[in-house]
PDB file of N, CA and C in Angstrom:
ATOM      1  N   UNK A   1       6.236  -8.446  -1.797  1.00  0.00           N
ATOM      2  CA  UNK A   1       5.379  -7.685  -2.972  1.00  0.00           C
ATOM      3  C   UNK A   1       6.171  -6.822  -3.517  1.00  0.00           C
ATOM      4  N   UNK A   2       5.819  -6.009  -4.715  1.00  0.00           N
ATOM      5  CA  UNK A   2       6.735  -5.183  -4.635  1.00  0.00           C
ATOM      6  C   UNK A   2       5.494  -3.295  -4.669  1.00  0.00           C
ATOM      7  N   UNK A   3       5.719  -3.085  -4.132  1.00  0.00           N
ATOM      8  CA  UNK A   3       3.547  -1.918  -3.962  1.00  0.00           C
ATOM      9  C   UNK A   3       3.973  -1.102  -5.094  1.00  0.00           C
ATOM     10  N   UNK A   4       2.877  -0.623  -6.098  1.00  0.00           N
ATOM     11  CA  UNK A   4       2.787  -0.093  -7.515  1.00  0.00           C
ATOM     12  C   UNK A   4       2.554   1.311  -6.904  1.00  0.00           C
ATOM     13  N   UNK A   5       3.890   2.830  -5.727  1.00  0.00           N
ATOM     14  CA  UNK A   5       3.354   3.681  -5.130  1.00  0.00           C
ATOM     15  C   UNK A   5       2.171   4.277  -6.117  1.00  0.00           C
ATOM     16  N   UNK A   6       2.661   4.366  -7.417  1.00  0.00           N
ATOM     17  CA  UNK A   6       1.984   5.663  -8.067  1.00  0.00           C
ATOM     18  C   UNK A   6      -0.041   5.489  -7.973  1.00  0.00           C
ATOM     19  N   UNK A   7       0.255   4.269  -8.649  1.00  0.00           N
ATOM     20  CA  UNK A   7      -1.688   3.993  -8.088  1.00  0.00           C
ATOM     21  C   UNK A   7      -2.088   3.946  -7.049  1.00  0.00           C
ATOM     22  N   UNK A   8      -1.041   3.773  -5.386  1.00  0.00           N
ATOM     23  CA  UNK A   8      -1.484   4.008  -4.445  1.00  0.00           C
ATOM     24  C   UNK A   8      -1.493   5.020  -4.106  1.00  0.00           C
ATOM     25  N   UNK A   9      -0.833   6.688  -4.837  1.00  0.00           N
ATOM     26  CA  UNK A   9      -1.011   7.595  -4.086  1.00  0.00           C
ATOM     27  C   UNK A   9      -2.254   8.853  -5.472  1.00  0.00           C
ATOM     28  N   UNK A  10      -2.374   8.091  -6.088  1.00  0.00           N
ATOM     29  CA  UNK A  10      -3.831   8.362  -7.480  1.00  0.00           C
ATOM     30  C   UNK A  10      -4.447   7.888  -6.233  1.00  0.00           C
ATOM     31  N   UNK A  11      -4.865   6.956  -5.748  1.00  0.00           N
ATOM     32  CA  UNK A  11      -5.730   6.657  -4.936  1.00  0.00           C
ATOM     33  C   UNK A  11      -5.756   7.532  -3.497  1.00  0.00           C
ATOM     34  N   UNK A  12      -5.292   7.371  -2.980  1.00  0.00           N
ATOM     35  CA  UNK A  12      -4.971   8.194  -1.692  1.00  0.00           C
ATOM     36  C   UNK A  12      -5.901   9.738  -2.305  1.00  0.00           C
ATOM     37  N   UNK A  13      -5.681   9.868  -3.696  1.00  0.00           N
ATOM     38  CA  UNK A  13      -5.992  11.718  -4.214  1.00  0.00           C
ATOM     39  C   UNK A  13      -7.230  11.365  -4.834  1.00  0.00           C
ATOM     40  N   UNK A  14      -7.373  10.752  -4.943  1.00  0.00           N
ATOM     41  CA  UNK A  14      -8.512   9.964  -5.305  1.00  0.00           C
ATOM     42  C   UNK A  14     -10.009  10.541  -3.860  1.00  0.00           C
ATOM     43  N   UNK A  15      -9.665  10.023  -2.618  1.00  0.00           N
ATOM     44  CA  UNK A  15     -10.468   9.992  -1.297  1.00  0.00           C
ATOM     45  C   UNK A  15      -9.739  10.935  -0.305  1.00  0.00           C
ATOM     46  N   UNK A  16      -9.079  11.753  -0.874  1.00  0.00           N
ATOM     47  CA  UNK A  16      -8.785  12.939  -0.046  1.00  0.00           C
ATOM     48  C   UNK A  16      -8.242  12.853   0.908  1.00  0.00           C
ATOM     49  N   UNK A  17      -7.147  11.550   0.942  1.00  0.00           N
ATOM     50  CA  UNK A  17      -6.279  11.383   2.392  1.00  0.00           C
ATOM     51  C   UNK A  17      -4.917  11.050   2.630  1.00  0.00           C
ATOM     52  N   UNK A  18      -4.213  11.196   3.565  1.00  0.00           N
ATOM     53  CA  UNK A  18      -2.615  11.235   3.573  1.00  0.00           C
ATOM     54  C   UNK A  18      -2.849   9.979   3.959  1.00  0.00           C
ATOM     55  N   UNK A  19      -1.321  10.115   3.943  1.00  0.00           N
ATOM     56  CA  UNK A  19      -0.927   8.874   5.029  1.00  0.00           C
ATOM     57  C   UNK A  19      -0.928   8.299   6.779  1.00  0.00           C
ATOM     58  N   UNK A  20      -1.445   9.563   6.716  1.00  0.00           N
ATOM     59  CA  UNK A  20      -1.666   8.804   8.093  1.00  0.00           C
ATOM     60  C   UNK A  20      -3.530   8.452   8.405  1.00  0.00           C
ATOM     61  N   UNK A  21      -4.039   9.057   7.341  1.00  0.00           N
ATOM     62  CA  UNK A  21      -5.669   8.616   7.285  1.00  0.00           C
ATOM     63  C   UNK A  21      -5.050   7.077   6.555  1.00  0.00           C
ATOM     64  N   UNK A  22      -4.274   6.804   5.614  1.00  0.00           N
ATOM     65  CA  UNK A  22      -3.888   5.375   5.398  1.00  0.00           C
ATOM     66  C   UNK A  22      -3.667   4.431   6.478  1.00  0.00           C
ATOM     67  N   UNK A  23      -3.009   4.836   6.960  1.00  0.00           N
ATOM     68  CA  UNK A  23      -2.475   4.022   8.135  1.00  0.00           C
ATOM     69  C   UNK A  23      -3.283   3.643   8.993  1.00  0.00           C
ATOM     70  N   UNK A  24      -4.331   4.371   9.741  1.00  0.00           N
ATOM     71  CA  UNK A  24      -5.086   4.120  10.509  1.00  0.00           C
ATOM     72  C   UNK A  24      -6.492   3.646   9.467  1.00  0.00           C
ATOM     73  N   UNK A  25      -7.008   3.618   8.337  1.00  0.00           N
ATOM     74  CA  UNK A  25      -7.329   3.148   7.944  1.00  0.00           C
ATOM     75  C   UNK A  25      -7.153   1.068   7.486  1.00  0.00           C
ATOM     76  N   UNK A  26      -5.971   1.362   7.397  1.00  0.00           N
ATOM     77  CA  UNK A  26      -5.111  -0.203   6.979  1.00  0.00           C
ATOM     78  C   UNK A  26      -4.551  -0.402   8.561  1.00  0.00           C
ATOM     79  N   UNK A  27      -4.937  -0.033   9.553  1.00  0.00           N
ATOM     80  CA  UNK A  27      -4.936  -0.545  10.803  1.00  0.00           C
ATOM     81  C   UNK A  27      -3.153  -0.692  10.776  1.00  0.00           C
ATOM     82  N   UNK A  28      -2.346  -0.018  10.456  1.00  0.00           N
ATOM     83  CA  UNK A  28      -1.403   0.008  10.637  1.00  0.00           C
ATOM     84  C   UNK A  28      -0.775   0.601  11.336  1.00  0.00           C
ATOM     85  N   UNK A  29       0.864   1.021  11.645  1.00  0.00           N
ATOM     86  CA  UNK A  29       1.118   2.479  12.576  1.00  0.00           C
ATOM     87  C   UNK A  29       1.378   3.011  11.746  1.00  0.00           C
ATOM     88  N   UNK A  30       1.626   4.673  11.501  1.00  0.00           N
ATOM     89  CA  UNK A  30       1.784   5.190  10.512  1.00  0.00           C
ATOM     90  C   UNK A  30       4.022   5.332   9.931  1.00  0.00           C
ATOM     91  N   UNK A  31       4.600   4.815  10.932  1.00  0.00           N
ATOM     92  CA  UNK A  31       5.145   4.605  10.767  1.00  0.00           C
ATOM     93  C   UNK A  31       5.453   3.476   9.443  1.00  0.00           C
ATOM     94  N   UNK A  32       5.166   2.148  10.236  1.00  0.00           N
ATOM     95  CA  UNK A  32       4.768   0.903   8.669  1.00  0.00           C
ATOM     96  C   UNK A  32       4.683   1.460   7.785  1.00  0.00           C
ATOM     97  N   UNK A  33       3.897   2.448   7.162  1.00  0.00           N
ATOM     98  CA  UNK A  33       2.953   2.833   6.380  1.00  0.00           C
ATOM     99  C   UNK A  33       3.903   3.499   5.604  1.00  0.00           C
ATOM    100  N   UNK A  34       4.791   4.692   6.352  1.00  0.00           N
ATOM    101  CA  UNK A  34       4.923   5.478   5.186  1.00  0.00           C
ATOM    102  C   UNK A  34       6.460   4.612   5.009  1.00  0.00           C
ATOM    103  N   UNK A  35       6.978   3.715   5.572  1.00  0.00           N
ATOM    104  CA  UNK A  35       8.021   2.982   5.717  1.00  0.00           C
ATOM    105  C   UNK A  35       7.531   2.103   4.009  1.00  0.00           C
ATOM    106  N   UNK A  36       6.676   0.924   4.361  1.00  0.00           N
ATOM    107  CA  UNK A  36       6.494   0.252   3.088  1.00  0.00           C
ATOM    108  C   UNK A  36       6.270   1.161   2.126  1.00  0.00           C
ATOM    109  N   UNK A  37       5.109   2.385   1.693  1.00  0.00           N
ATOM    110  CA  UNK A  37       5.250   3.554   1.097  1.00  0.00           C
ATOM    111  C   UNK A  37       6.834   3.916   0.346  1.00  0.00           C
ATOM    112  N   UNK A  38       7.799   3.730   1.371  1.00  0.00           N
ATOM    113  CA  UNK A  38       9.413   4.545   1.113  1.00  0.00           C
ATOM    114  C   UNK A  38      10.119   3.212   0.710  1.00  0.00           C
ATOM    115  N   UNK A  39       9.847   2.588   0.701  1.00  0.00           N
ATOM    116  CA  UNK A  39      10.902   1.251   0.492  1.00  0.00           C
ATOM    117  C   UNK A  39       9.987   0.394  -1.107  1.00  0.00           C
ATOM    118  N   UNK A  40       8.649   1.067  -1.061  1.00  0.00           N
ATOM    119  CA  UNK A  40       7.847  -0.156  -2.177  1.00  0.00           C
ATOM    120  C   UNK A  40       7.481  -1.986  -1.848  1.00  0.00           C
ATOM    121  N   UNK A  41       8.204  -1.781  -0.546  1.00  0.00           N
ATOM    122  CA  UNK A  41       7.654  -3.571  -0.956  1.00  0.00           C
ATOM    123  C   UNK A  41       6.816  -3.754   1.168  1.00  0.00           C
ATOM    124  N   UNK A  42       6.769  -4.621   0.987  1.00  0.00           N
ATOM    125  CA  UNK A  42       5.838  -4.858   1.962  1.00  0.00           C
ATOM    126  C   UNK A  42       4.955  -6.769   1.701  1.00  0.00           C
ATOM    127  N   UNK A  43       4.836  -7.458   2.653  1.00  0.00           N
ATOM    128  CA  UNK A  43       4.851  -8.493   2.970  1.00  0.00           C
ATOM    129  C   UNK A  43       2.472  -8.639   2.494  1.00  0.00           C
ATOM    130  N   UNK A  44       2.286  -9.816   2.268  1.00  0.00           N
ATOM    131  CA  UNK A  44       0.805 -10.092   1.510  1.00  0.00           C
ATOM    132  C   UNK A  44      -0.116  -9.284   2.726  1.00  0.00           C
ATOM    133  N   UNK A  45      -0.158  -9.481   3.897  1.00  0.00           N
ATOM    134  CA  UNK A  45      -0.529  -9.255   4.666  1.00  0.00           C
ATOM    135  C   UNK A  45      -1.035  -7.401   4.672  1.00  0.00           C
ATOM    136  N   UNK A  46       0.431  -6.895   4.680  1.00  0.00           N
ATOM    137  CA  UNK A  46      -0.109  -5.693   4.473  1.00  0.00           C
ATOM    138  C   UNK A  46      -0.161  -4.861   2.961  1.00  0.00           C
ATOM    139  N   UNK A  47      -0.359  -5.358   2.205  1.00  0.00           N
ATOM    140  CA  UNK A  47      -0.515  -5.016   0.614  1.00  0.00           C
ATOM    141  C   UNK A  47      -2.131  -5.083   0.920  1.00  0.00           C
ATOM    142  N   UNK A  48      -2.611  -6.720   1.973  1.00  0.00           N
ATOM    143  CA  UNK A  48      -3.658  -6.904   1.580  1.00  0.00           C
ATOM    144  C   UNK A  48      -5.012  -5.159   2.757  1.00  0.00           C
ATOM    145  N   UNK A  49      -3.777  -4.945   3.143  1.00  0.00           N
ATOM    146  CA  UNK A  49      -4.653  -4.194   4.410  1.00  0.00           C
ATOM    147  C   UNK A  49      -4.801  -2.968   3.628  1.00  0.00           C
ATOM    148  N   UNK A  50      -3.746  -3.061   3.303  1.00  0.00           N
ATOM    149  CA  UNK A  50      -3.713  -1.317   2.195  1.00  0.00           C
ATOM    150  C   UNK A  50      -4.606  -1.372   0.823  1.00  0.00           C
ATOM    151  N   UNK A  51      -4.880  -2.434   0.609  1.00  0.00           N
ATOM    152  CA  UNK A  51      -5.608  -2.196  -0.648  1.00  0.00           C
ATOM    153  C   UNK A  51      -7.616  -2.440   0.200  1.00  0.00           C
ATOM    154  N   UNK A  52      -7.168  -2.948   1.162  1.00  0.00           N
ATOM    155  CA  UNK A  52      -8.868  -3.222   1.835  1.00  0.00           C
ATOM    156  C   UNK A  52      -8.656  -1.657   2.728  1.00  0.00           C
ATOM    157  N   UNK A  53      -8.290  -0.669   2.828  1.00  0.00           N
ATOM    158  CA  UNK A  53      -8.279   0.645   2.921  1.00  0.00           C
ATOM    159  C   UNK A  53      -8.511   1.545   1.921  1.00  0.00           C
ATOM    160  N   UNK A  54      -8.359   1.190   0.925  1.00  0.00           N
ATOM    161  CA  UNK A  54      -8.107   2.640  -0.391  1.00  0.00           C
ATOM    162  C   UNK A  54      -9.595   1.565  -1.646  1.00  0.00           C
ATOM    163  N   UNK A  55      -9.960   0.953  -1.039  1.00  0.00           N
ATOM    164  CA  UNK A  55     -11.303  -0.074  -1.365  1.00  0.00           C
ATOM    165  C   UNK A  55     -10.983  -0.462  -2.786  1.00  0.00           C
ATOM    166  N   UNK A  56      -9.479  -1.044  -3.128  1.00  0.00           N
ATOM    167  CA  UNK A  56      -9.183  -1.165  -4.334  1.00  0.00           C
ATOM    168  C   UNK A  56      -8.656  -2.459  -4.479  1.00  0.00           C
ATOM    169  N   UNK A  57      -7.994  -3.753  -5.349  1.00  0.00           N
ATOM    170  CA  UNK A  57      -7.333  -4.644  -5.794  1.00  0.00           C
ATOM    171  C   UNK A  57      -6.408  -5.356  -5.309  1.00  0.00           C
ATOM    172  N   UNK A  58      -6.388  -5.668  -4.529  1.00  0.00           N
ATOM    173  CA  UNK A  58      -4.835  -5.729  -4.459  1.00  0.00           C
ATOM    174  C   UNK A  58      -3.830  -5.722  -5.916  1.00  0.00           C
ATOM    175  N   UNK A  59      -4.385  -6.556  -6.885  1.00  0.00           N
ATOM    176  CA  UNK A  59      -3.123  -6.270  -7.966  1.00  0.00           C
ATOM    177  C   UNK A  59      -3.590  -5.120  -8.163  1.00  0.00           C
ATOM    178  N   UNK A  60      -3.898  -4.826  -8.544  1.00  0.00           N
ATOM    179  CA  UNK A  60      -4.250  -2.566  -8.687  1.00  0.00           C
ATOM    180  C   UNK A  60      -2.671  -2.153  -7.866  1.00  0.00           C
ATOM    181  N   UNK A  61      -2.579  -2.851  -6.633  1.00  0.00           N
ATOM    182  CA  UNK A  61      -1.654  -2.077  -6.411  1.00  0.00           C
ATOM    183  C   UNK A  61       0.186  -2.788  -5.417  1.00  0.00           C
ATOM    184  N   UNK A  62      -0.364  -3.773  -6.355  1.00  0.00           N
ATOM    185  CA  UNK A  62       1.302  -4.425  -5.842  1.00  0.00           C
ATOM    186  C   UNK A  62       1.111  -5.994  -6.213  1.00  0.00           C
ATOM    187  N   UNK A  63       2.414  -6.630  -6.945  1.00  0.00           N
ATOM    188  CA  UNK A  63       2.917  -7.580  -8.286  1.00  0.00           C
ATOM    189  C   UNK A  63       3.992  -8.557  -7.256  1.00  0.00           C
ATOM    190  N   UNK A  64       3.910  -9.711  -7.365  1.00  0.00           N
ATOM    191  CA  UNK A  64       4.647 -10.545  -6.541  1.00  0.00           C
ATOM    192  C   UNK A  64       6.087 -10.247  -6.580  1.00  0.00           C
ATOM    193  N   UNK A  65       6.991 -10.805  -5.955  1.00  0.00           N
ATOM    194  CA  UNK A  65       8.789 -10.291  -6.586  1.00  0.00           C
ATOM    195  C   UNK A  65       9.276 -11.426  -6.606  1.00  0.00           C
ATOM    196  N   UNK A  66       9.345 -10.833  -8.326  1.00  0.00           N
ATOM    197  CA  UNK A  66      10.735 -12.026  -9.297  1.00  0.00           C
ATOM    198  C   UNK A  66      11.785 -12.382  -8.350  1.00  0.00           C
ATOM    199  N   UNK A  67      11.980 -13.467  -8.142  1.00  0.00           N
ATOM    200  CA  UNK A  67      12.705 -14.292  -7.991  1.00  0.00           C
ATOM    201  C   UNK A  67      13.982 -14.889  -8.591  1.00  0.00           C
ATOM    202  N   UNK A  68      15.056 -14.019  -8.316  1.00  0.00           N
ATOM    203  CA  UNK A  68      16.143 -14.942  -9.510  1.00  0.00           C
ATOM    204  C   UNK A  68      16.694 -16.169  -9.161  1.00  0.00           C
ATOM    205  N   UNK A  69      16.245 -17.279 -10.409  1.00  0.00           N
ATOM    206  CA  UNK A  69      16.787 -18.485 -10.400  1.00  0.00           C
ATOM    207  C   UNK A  69      18.201 -18.504 -10.609  1.00  0.00           C
TER     208      UNK A  69
END
């Protein structure tokens, strides 16, 4: 899934948390959290964890990648 990094960063600012705190809240390692934010891609389970940690709907931070036909 593609992450909407801008929305994630805005929500982090609203909550006044950094990447390390986001990782802790989501139950992810700091390295994994940083990698997902850097690449802008994550699997559905990770997206769900990030959304829950940010108290935001999944659809606001991610969308399914389009698969070429």
